[in-house]
Amino acid sequence: MTRMDGKMDHNLHVVDLARGWTGTPYHHQASLKGIGCDCLGLVRGVWRELYGQEPETPPAYSPDWGQVSADETLLAAAKRHFAPVALDRLEPGHLVIFRMLPKAIAKHCGIVSGDSRMIHALEGTGVCEVTLDDFWIRRAAEGFELP
């Protein structure tokens, strides 16, 4: 197996793990498969399934943290633990982080699951797989690859 094949296998494994969270109800700041999670909780849960212990404990955050803080907390944490990937190079298994409003801080994330698809947790919906359409593409801030 070549190194590229190994990377592809790893990325597809990430997608399989993320799909295993599908149907988990939305619950702010949680990260329990089948019980509840938010978008960060999904990524944290996939990380634990891949590597065991999380690299850091996220600070407590309120549901409106993206409106009351100017700190790029989510992007800063992603940059500490993931390798950057250009948005035009996103592949299945990559993490994508979104700014929901222009010039606002980045506060949402999902895992690319296939050609124009992603898995994420959304309030009122829970973990689901959706089309990575123009709505999401316009809001994409940065992409990352899991180590």
N, C-alpha and C. Protein backbone atom coordinates (compact mmCIF):
# COMPACT_ATOMS: atom_id res chain seq x y z
N MET A 1 0.84 -1.17 0.00
CA MET A 1 0.00 0.00 0.00
C MET A 1 0.89 1.24 0.00
N THR A 2 0.60 2.18 -0.88
CA THR A 2 1.39 3.40 -0.94
C THR A 2 0.94 4.36 0.15
N ARG A 3 1.77 5.35 0.38
CA ARG A 3 1.43 6.34 1.40
C ARG A 3 0.10 7.03 1.05
N MET A 4 -0.12 7.35 -0.22
CA MET A 4 -1.35 7.99 -0.64
C MET A 4 -2.55 7.09 -0.33
N ASP A 5 -2.43 5.80 -0.59
CA ASP A 5 -3.53 4.87 -0.29
C ASP A 5 -3.79 4.85 1.21
N GLY A 6 -2.74 4.89 2.02
CA GLY A 6 -2.91 4.92 3.46
C GLY A 6 -3.65 6.15 3.92
N LYS A 7 -3.33 7.29 3.32
CA LYS A 7 -4.02 8.54 3.65
C LYS A 7 -5.49 8.43 3.25
N MET A 8 -5.75 7.86 2.08
CA MET A 8 -7.13 7.71 1.62
C MET A 8 -7.90 6.78 2.56
N ASP A 9 -7.29 5.67 2.96
CA ASP A 9 -7.93 4.75 3.90
C ASP A 9 -8.25 5.46 5.21
N HIS A 10 -7.31 6.26 5.71
CA HIS A 10 -7.51 7.00 6.96
C HIS A 10 -8.69 7.96 6.81
N ASN A 11 -8.72 8.71 5.72
CA ASN A 11 -9.79 9.68 5.51
C ASN A 11 -11.15 8.99 5.41
N LEU A 12 -11.21 7.86 4.72
CA LEU A 12 -12.48 7.13 4.61
C LEU A 12 -12.90 6.55 5.96
N HIS A 13 -11.93 6.17 6.78
CA HIS A 13 -12.23 5.69 8.13
C HIS A 13 -12.83 6.83 8.96
N VAL A 14 -12.29 8.04 8.81
CA VAL A 14 -12.85 9.21 9.50
C VAL A 14 -14.31 9.39 9.10
N VAL A 15 -14.61 9.28 7.81
CA VAL A 15 -15.99 9.43 7.33
C VAL A 15 -16.88 8.34 7.92
N ASP A 16 -16.41 7.11 7.92
CA ASP A 16 -17.20 6.01 8.50
C ASP A 16 -17.51 6.27 9.97
N LEU A 17 -16.50 6.73 10.72
CA LEU A 17 -16.72 7.03 12.13
C LEU A 17 -17.74 8.15 12.30
N ALA A 18 -17.61 9.21 11.51
CA ALA A 18 -18.55 10.33 11.60
C ALA A 18 -19.96 9.88 11.25
N ARG A 19 -20.10 9.05 10.23
CA ARG A 19 -21.44 8.54 9.87
C ARG A 19 -22.05 7.72 10.99
N GLY A 20 -21.21 7.10 11.80
CA GLY A 20 -21.70 6.34 12.94
C GLY A 20 -22.40 7.21 13.98
N TRP A 21 -22.19 8.51 13.93
CA TRP A 21 -22.83 9.46 14.84
C TRP A 21 -24.17 9.96 14.30
N THR A 22 -24.50 9.63 13.06
CA THR A 22 -25.74 10.09 12.44
C THR A 22 -26.93 9.71 13.32
N GLY A 23 -27.80 10.69 13.51
CA GLY A 23 -28.97 10.48 14.35
C GLY A 23 -28.76 10.87 15.80
N THR A 24 -27.52 11.13 16.21
CA THR A 24 -27.27 11.59 17.58
C THR A 24 -27.95 12.94 17.75
N PRO A 25 -28.80 13.10 18.77
CA PRO A 25 -29.49 14.37 18.96
C PRO A 25 -28.52 15.52 19.25
N TYR A 26 -28.95 16.72 18.90
CA TYR A 26 -28.15 17.90 19.22
C TYR A 26 -28.25 18.18 20.71
N HIS A 27 -27.11 18.39 21.32
CA HIS A 27 -27.07 18.82 22.72
C HIS A 27 -25.83 19.70 22.87
N HIS A 28 -26.06 20.95 23.23
CA HIS A 28 -24.99 21.92 23.36
C HIS A 28 -23.87 21.41 24.25
N GLN A 29 -22.66 21.47 23.77
CA GLN A 29 -21.41 21.15 24.47
C GLN A 29 -21.26 19.68 24.86
N ALA A 30 -22.11 18.82 24.35
CA ALA A 30 -21.99 17.39 24.65
C ALA A 30 -21.19 16.68 23.56
N SER A 31 -20.74 15.47 23.87
CA SER A 31 -19.99 14.67 22.91
C SER A 31 -20.15 13.18 23.23
N LEU A 32 -21.40 12.72 23.20
CA LEU A 32 -21.71 11.32 23.50
C LEU A 32 -22.50 10.71 22.35
N LYS A 33 -21.88 9.80 21.65
CA LYS A 33 -22.49 9.16 20.49
C LYS A 33 -23.83 8.53 20.87
N GLY A 34 -24.85 8.85 20.10
CA GLY A 34 -26.18 8.31 20.33
C GLY A 34 -26.95 9.01 21.43
N ILE A 35 -26.27 9.81 22.24
CA ILE A 35 -26.90 10.51 23.37
C ILE A 35 -27.09 12.00 23.05
N GLY A 36 -26.01 12.67 22.64
CA GLY A 36 -26.10 14.08 22.30
C GLY A 36 -24.74 14.69 22.00
N CYS A 37 -24.73 15.63 21.06
CA CYS A 37 -23.50 16.37 20.75
C CYS A 37 -23.86 17.62 19.97
N ASP A 38 -22.90 18.54 19.95
CA ASP A 38 -22.99 19.68 19.05
C ASP A 38 -21.93 19.46 17.96
N CYS A 39 -21.70 20.46 17.11
CA CYS A 39 -20.77 20.24 16.00
C CYS A 39 -19.36 19.94 16.49
N LEU A 40 -18.91 20.65 17.51
CA LEU A 40 -17.59 20.37 18.07
C LEU A 40 -17.57 19.01 18.76
N GLY A 41 -18.66 18.67 19.42
CA GLY A 41 -18.74 17.36 20.08
C GLY A 41 -18.63 16.21 19.10
N LEU A 42 -19.16 16.38 17.89
CA LEU A 42 -19.01 15.35 16.85
C LEU A 42 -17.53 15.17 16.51
N VAL A 43 -16.83 16.26 16.27
CA VAL A 43 -15.41 16.19 15.93
C VAL A 43 -14.61 15.60 17.09
N ARG A 44 -14.93 16.02 18.30
CA ARG A 44 -14.25 15.47 19.48
C ARG A 44 -14.48 13.97 19.59
N GLY A 45 -15.71 13.53 19.34
CA GLY A 45 -16.03 12.11 19.43
C GLY A 45 -15.30 11.29 18.39
N VAL A 46 -15.22 11.79 17.16
CA VAL A 46 -14.48 11.09 16.12
C VAL A 46 -13.00 11.04 16.50
N TRP A 47 -12.47 12.13 17.02
CA TRP A 47 -11.06 12.14 17.47
C TRP A 47 -10.83 11.04 18.51
N ARG A 48 -11.72 10.94 19.50
CA ARG A 48 -11.55 9.91 20.54
C ARG A 48 -11.59 8.51 19.95
N GLU A 49 -12.47 8.28 18.98
CA GLU A 49 -12.55 6.97 18.35
C GLU A 49 -11.28 6.64 17.57
N LEU A 50 -10.65 7.65 17.02
CA LEU A 50 -9.41 7.45 16.26
C LEU A 50 -8.18 7.32 17.15
N TYR A 51 -8.07 8.20 18.14
CA TYR A 51 -6.81 8.36 18.87
C TYR A 51 -6.89 8.11 20.37
N GLY A 52 -8.08 7.98 20.92
CA GLY A 52 -8.20 7.87 22.37
C GLY A 52 -8.46 9.23 22.98
N GLN A 53 -7.68 9.59 23.95
CA GLN A 53 -7.88 10.84 24.69
C GLN A 53 -7.79 12.06 23.78
N GLU A 54 -8.65 13.04 24.04
CA GLU A 54 -8.62 14.29 23.29
C GLU A 54 -7.35 15.06 23.63
N PRO A 55 -6.84 15.86 22.69
CA PRO A 55 -5.59 16.58 22.94
C PRO A 55 -5.73 17.71 23.95
N GLU A 56 -6.93 18.22 24.13
CA GLU A 56 -7.18 19.25 25.13
C GLU A 56 -8.66 19.25 25.48
N THR A 57 -8.98 19.77 26.63
CA THR A 57 -10.37 19.90 27.04
C THR A 57 -10.86 21.26 26.60
N PRO A 58 -11.94 21.31 25.82
CA PRO A 58 -12.43 22.62 25.39
C PRO A 58 -12.98 23.40 26.59
N PRO A 59 -12.83 24.71 26.55
CA PRO A 59 -13.40 25.52 27.63
C PRO A 59 -14.92 25.51 27.54
N ALA A 60 -15.58 25.82 28.63
CA ALA A 60 -17.04 25.96 28.60
C ALA A 60 -17.39 27.09 27.64
N TYR A 61 -18.48 26.90 26.91
CA TYR A 61 -18.93 27.95 25.99
C TYR A 61 -20.45 27.99 26.00
N SER A 62 -20.98 29.20 25.94
CA SER A 62 -22.42 29.38 25.96
C SER A 62 -22.97 29.17 24.55
N PRO A 63 -24.27 28.89 24.43
CA PRO A 63 -24.83 28.71 23.09
C PRO A 63 -24.63 29.92 22.18
N ASP A 64 -24.52 31.09 22.74
CA ASP A 64 -24.35 32.30 21.92
C ASP A 64 -22.90 32.79 21.88
N TRP A 65 -21.93 31.91 22.18
CA TRP A 65 -20.54 32.34 22.27
C TRP A 65 -20.06 33.02 20.99
N GLY A 66 -20.58 32.64 19.85
CA GLY A 66 -20.16 33.24 18.60
C GLY A 66 -20.63 34.67 18.42
N GLN A 67 -21.63 35.07 19.18
CA GLN A 67 -22.13 36.43 19.09
C GLN A 67 -21.55 37.34 20.16
N VAL A 68 -21.00 36.77 21.22
CA VAL A 68 -20.55 37.60 22.34
C VAL A 68 -19.04 37.65 22.49
N SER A 69 -18.33 36.97 21.62
CA SER A 69 -16.87 36.94 21.72
C SER A 69 -16.27 37.25 20.35
N ALA A 70 -15.14 37.92 20.36
CA ALA A 70 -14.42 38.19 19.12
C ALA A 70 -13.23 37.24 18.97
N ASP A 71 -13.04 36.34 19.93
CA ASP A 71 -11.91 35.41 19.89
C ASP A 71 -12.19 34.27 18.92
N GLU A 72 -11.21 33.96 18.10
CA GLU A 72 -11.31 32.85 17.14
C GLU A 72 -10.93 31.54 17.83
N THR A 73 -11.66 31.19 18.86
CA THR A 73 -11.37 30.02 19.69
C THR A 73 -11.37 28.72 18.88
N LEU A 74 -12.38 28.51 18.05
CA LEU A 74 -12.50 27.28 17.29
C LEU A 74 -11.36 27.15 16.27
N LEU A 75 -11.10 28.22 15.53
CA LEU A 75 -10.01 28.17 14.55
C LEU A 75 -8.66 27.99 15.23
N ALA A 76 -8.44 28.66 16.35
CA ALA A 76 -7.17 28.53 17.06
C ALA A 76 -6.94 27.09 17.51
N ALA A 77 -7.97 26.45 18.03
CA ALA A 77 -7.83 25.05 18.46
C ALA A 77 -7.58 24.14 17.26
N ALA A 78 -8.28 24.37 16.17
CA ALA A 78 -8.07 23.55 14.97
C ALA A 78 -6.62 23.68 14.49
N LYS A 79 -6.09 24.88 14.52
CA LYS A 79 -4.71 25.11 14.07
C LYS A 79 -3.69 24.44 14.98
N ARG A 80 -4.05 24.22 16.23
CA ARG A 80 -3.14 23.54 17.16
C ARG A 80 -3.07 22.04 16.91
N HIS A 81 -4.15 21.45 16.39
CA HIS A 81 -4.24 19.99 16.35
C HIS A 81 -4.45 19.37 14.97
N PHE A 82 -4.70 20.17 13.97
CA PHE A 82 -4.96 19.67 12.62
C PHE A 82 -4.03 20.34 11.63
N ALA A 83 -3.81 19.68 10.50
CA ALA A 83 -2.99 20.25 9.43
C ALA A 83 -3.90 21.05 8.50
N PRO A 84 -3.49 22.27 8.13
CA PRO A 84 -4.34 23.08 7.24
C PRO A 84 -4.45 22.46 5.85
N VAL A 85 -5.62 22.65 5.24
CA VAL A 85 -5.88 22.20 3.88
C VAL A 85 -6.61 23.34 3.18
N ALA A 86 -6.19 23.67 1.97
CA ALA A 86 -6.87 24.71 1.20
C ALA A 86 -8.32 24.28 0.94
N LEU A 87 -9.21 25.25 0.98
CA LEU A 87 -10.63 24.95 0.79
C LEU A 87 -10.91 24.29 -0.56
N ASP A 88 -10.12 24.61 -1.56
CA ASP A 88 -10.34 23.98 -2.87
C ASP A 88 -9.71 22.59 -2.96
N ARG A 89 -9.12 22.12 -1.87
CA ARG A 89 -8.50 20.79 -1.82
C ARG A 89 -9.18 19.87 -0.80
N LEU A 90 -10.34 20.26 -0.30
CA LEU A 90 -11.04 19.43 0.68
C LEU A 90 -11.40 18.08 0.10
N GLU A 91 -11.20 17.04 0.90
CA GLU A 91 -11.52 15.67 0.52
C GLU A 91 -12.32 15.03 1.65
N PRO A 92 -12.95 13.89 1.36
CA PRO A 92 -13.63 13.17 2.44
C PRO A 92 -12.69 12.94 3.62
N GLY A 93 -13.22 13.16 4.82
CA GLY A 93 -12.44 13.00 6.04
C GLY A 93 -11.83 14.29 6.54
N HIS A 94 -11.88 15.35 5.75
CA HIS A 94 -11.33 16.63 6.18
C HIS A 94 -12.37 17.41 7.00
N LEU A 95 -11.85 18.23 7.88
CA LEU A 95 -12.66 19.10 8.72
C LEU A 95 -12.80 20.44 8.01
N VAL A 96 -13.99 21.00 8.02
CA VAL A 96 -14.20 22.33 7.48
C VAL A 96 -14.88 23.18 8.55
N ILE A 97 -14.39 24.40 8.70
CA ILE A 97 -14.90 25.32 9.72
C ILE A 97 -15.55 26.51 9.02
N PHE A 98 -16.69 26.93 9.56
CA PHE A 98 -17.52 27.94 8.90
C PHE A 98 -17.68 29.21 9.74
N ARG A 99 -17.81 30.33 9.03
CA ARG A 99 -18.26 31.61 9.60
C ARG A 99 -19.72 31.74 9.16
N MET A 100 -20.62 31.75 10.09
CA MET A 100 -22.03 31.77 9.73
C MET A 100 -22.49 33.14 9.24
N LEU A 101 -21.78 34.19 9.63
CA LEU A 101 -22.06 35.54 9.15
C LEU A 101 -20.77 36.16 8.64
N PRO A 102 -20.85 36.99 7.61
CA PRO A 102 -19.64 37.64 7.10
C PRO A 102 -18.93 38.41 8.23
N LYS A 103 -17.64 38.28 8.28
CA LYS A 103 -16.78 38.98 9.25
C LYS A 103 -17.02 38.55 10.70
N ALA A 104 -17.86 37.55 10.93
CA ALA A 104 -18.06 37.02 12.28
C ALA A 104 -16.98 35.98 12.55
N ILE A 105 -16.86 35.58 13.81
CA ILE A 105 -15.90 34.52 14.13
C ILE A 105 -16.40 33.20 13.58
N ALA A 106 -15.48 32.29 13.35
CA ALA A 106 -15.83 30.94 12.90
C ALA A 106 -16.41 30.17 14.09
N LYS A 107 -17.59 29.56 13.90
CA LYS A 107 -18.23 28.91 15.04
C LYS A 107 -18.97 27.63 14.71
N HIS A 108 -18.78 27.09 13.52
CA HIS A 108 -19.44 25.84 13.16
C HIS A 108 -18.46 24.97 12.40
N CYS A 109 -18.62 23.65 12.53
CA CYS A 109 -17.70 22.76 11.82
C CYS A 109 -18.43 21.49 11.38
N GLY A 110 -17.83 20.85 10.38
CA GLY A 110 -18.36 19.60 9.87
C GLY A 110 -17.23 18.79 9.25
N ILE A 111 -17.53 17.55 8.94
CA ILE A 111 -16.55 16.64 8.33
C ILE A 111 -17.02 16.33 6.92
N VAL A 112 -16.17 16.62 5.95
CA VAL A 112 -16.50 16.33 4.55
C VAL A 112 -16.66 14.82 4.42
N SER A 113 -17.78 14.41 3.81
CA SER A 113 -18.07 12.98 3.72
C SER A 113 -18.01 12.43 2.31
N GLY A 114 -17.98 13.28 1.34
CA GLY A 114 -17.94 12.82 -0.04
C GLY A 114 -18.02 14.01 -0.97
N ASP A 115 -18.27 13.74 -2.21
CA ASP A 115 -18.37 14.79 -3.21
C ASP A 115 -19.53 15.71 -2.85
N SER A 116 -19.20 16.90 -2.41
CA SER A 116 -20.20 17.91 -2.05
C SER A 116 -21.14 17.47 -0.93
N ARG A 117 -20.62 16.75 0.07
CA ARG A 117 -21.40 16.30 1.22
C ARG A 117 -20.60 16.54 2.49
N MET A 118 -21.30 16.72 3.60
CA MET A 118 -20.63 16.80 4.90
C MET A 118 -21.54 16.27 5.99
N ILE A 119 -20.91 15.89 7.10
CA ILE A 119 -21.60 15.42 8.29
C ILE A 119 -21.36 16.48 9.36
N HIS A 120 -22.43 16.90 10.01
CA HIS A 120 -22.31 17.90 11.07
C HIS A 120 -23.48 17.76 12.03
N ALA A 121 -23.40 18.46 13.14
CA ALA A 121 -24.49 18.48 14.12
C ALA A 121 -25.12 19.87 14.10
N LEU A 122 -26.40 19.90 13.97
CA LEU A 122 -27.13 21.15 13.85
C LEU A 122 -28.24 21.19 14.89
N GLU A 123 -28.34 22.34 15.55
CA GLU A 123 -29.38 22.51 16.55
C GLU A 123 -30.75 22.25 15.93
N GLY A 124 -31.56 21.44 16.62
CA GLY A 124 -32.89 21.10 16.13
C GLY A 124 -32.91 19.91 15.20
N THR A 125 -31.73 19.48 14.73
CA THR A 125 -31.65 18.37 13.78
C THR A 125 -30.79 17.23 14.32
N GLY A 126 -29.70 17.56 14.97
CA GLY A 126 -28.75 16.55 15.42
C GLY A 126 -27.73 16.27 14.34
N VAL A 127 -27.06 15.14 14.45
CA VAL A 127 -26.01 14.79 13.48
C VAL A 127 -26.67 14.26 12.21
N CYS A 128 -26.30 14.88 11.11
CA CYS A 128 -26.87 14.51 9.82
C CYS A 128 -25.84 14.73 8.71
N GLU A 129 -26.11 14.13 7.57
CA GLU A 129 -25.27 14.31 6.40
C GLU A 129 -26.05 15.18 5.42
N VAL A 130 -25.42 16.24 4.95
CA VAL A 130 -26.11 17.22 4.10
C VAL A 130 -25.25 17.53 2.88
N THR A 131 -25.87 18.19 1.92
CA THR A 131 -25.15 18.66 0.74
C THR A 131 -24.31 19.87 1.13
N LEU A 132 -23.09 19.85 0.71
CA LEU A 132 -22.17 20.97 0.92
C LEU A 132 -22.42 21.94 -0.24
N ASP A 133 -23.55 22.64 -0.16
CA ASP A 133 -24.01 23.47 -1.26
C ASP A 133 -23.48 24.90 -1.14
N ASP A 134 -23.97 25.78 -1.99
CA ASP A 134 -23.48 27.17 -2.00
C ASP A 134 -23.65 27.85 -0.65
N PHE A 135 -24.74 27.55 0.08
CA PHE A 135 -24.93 28.13 1.41
C PHE A 135 -23.71 27.87 2.28
N TRP A 136 -23.25 26.62 2.30
CA TRP A 136 -22.12 26.25 3.14
C TRP A 136 -20.79 26.71 2.54
N ILE A 137 -20.64 26.55 1.26
CA ILE A 137 -19.38 26.91 0.61
C ILE A 137 -19.07 28.40 0.81
N ARG A 138 -20.06 29.25 0.72
CA ARG A 138 -19.85 30.69 0.94
C ARG A 138 -19.41 30.99 2.37
N ARG A 139 -19.75 30.14 3.29
CA ARG A 139 -19.43 30.37 4.70
C ARG A 139 -18.16 29.65 5.17
N ALA A 140 -17.59 28.80 4.32
CA ALA A 140 -16.39 28.05 4.69
C ALA A 140 -15.24 29.02 4.96
N ALA A 141 -14.60 28.86 6.11
CA ALA A 141 -13.49 29.72 6.51
C ALA A 141 -12.14 29.05 6.27
N GLU A 142 -12.00 27.81 6.77
CA GLU A 142 -10.74 27.09 6.63
C GLU A 142 -11.00 25.60 6.66
N GLY A 143 -10.08 24.85 6.07
CA GLY A 143 -10.15 23.41 6.06
C GLY A 143 -8.94 22.81 6.76
N PHE A 144 -9.12 21.60 7.26
CA PHE A 144 -8.06 20.91 8.01
C PHE A 144 -8.11 19.41 7.77
N GLU A 145 -6.99 18.77 7.96
CA GLU A 145 -6.88 17.32 7.86
C GLU A 145 -6.55 16.77 9.25
N LEU A 146 -7.22 15.70 9.62
CA LEU A 146 -6.91 15.06 10.90
C LEU A 146 -5.52 14.43 10.79
N PRO A 147 -4.77 14.45 11.89
CA PRO A 147 -3.41 13.90 11.83
C PRO A 147 -3.40 12.39 11.56
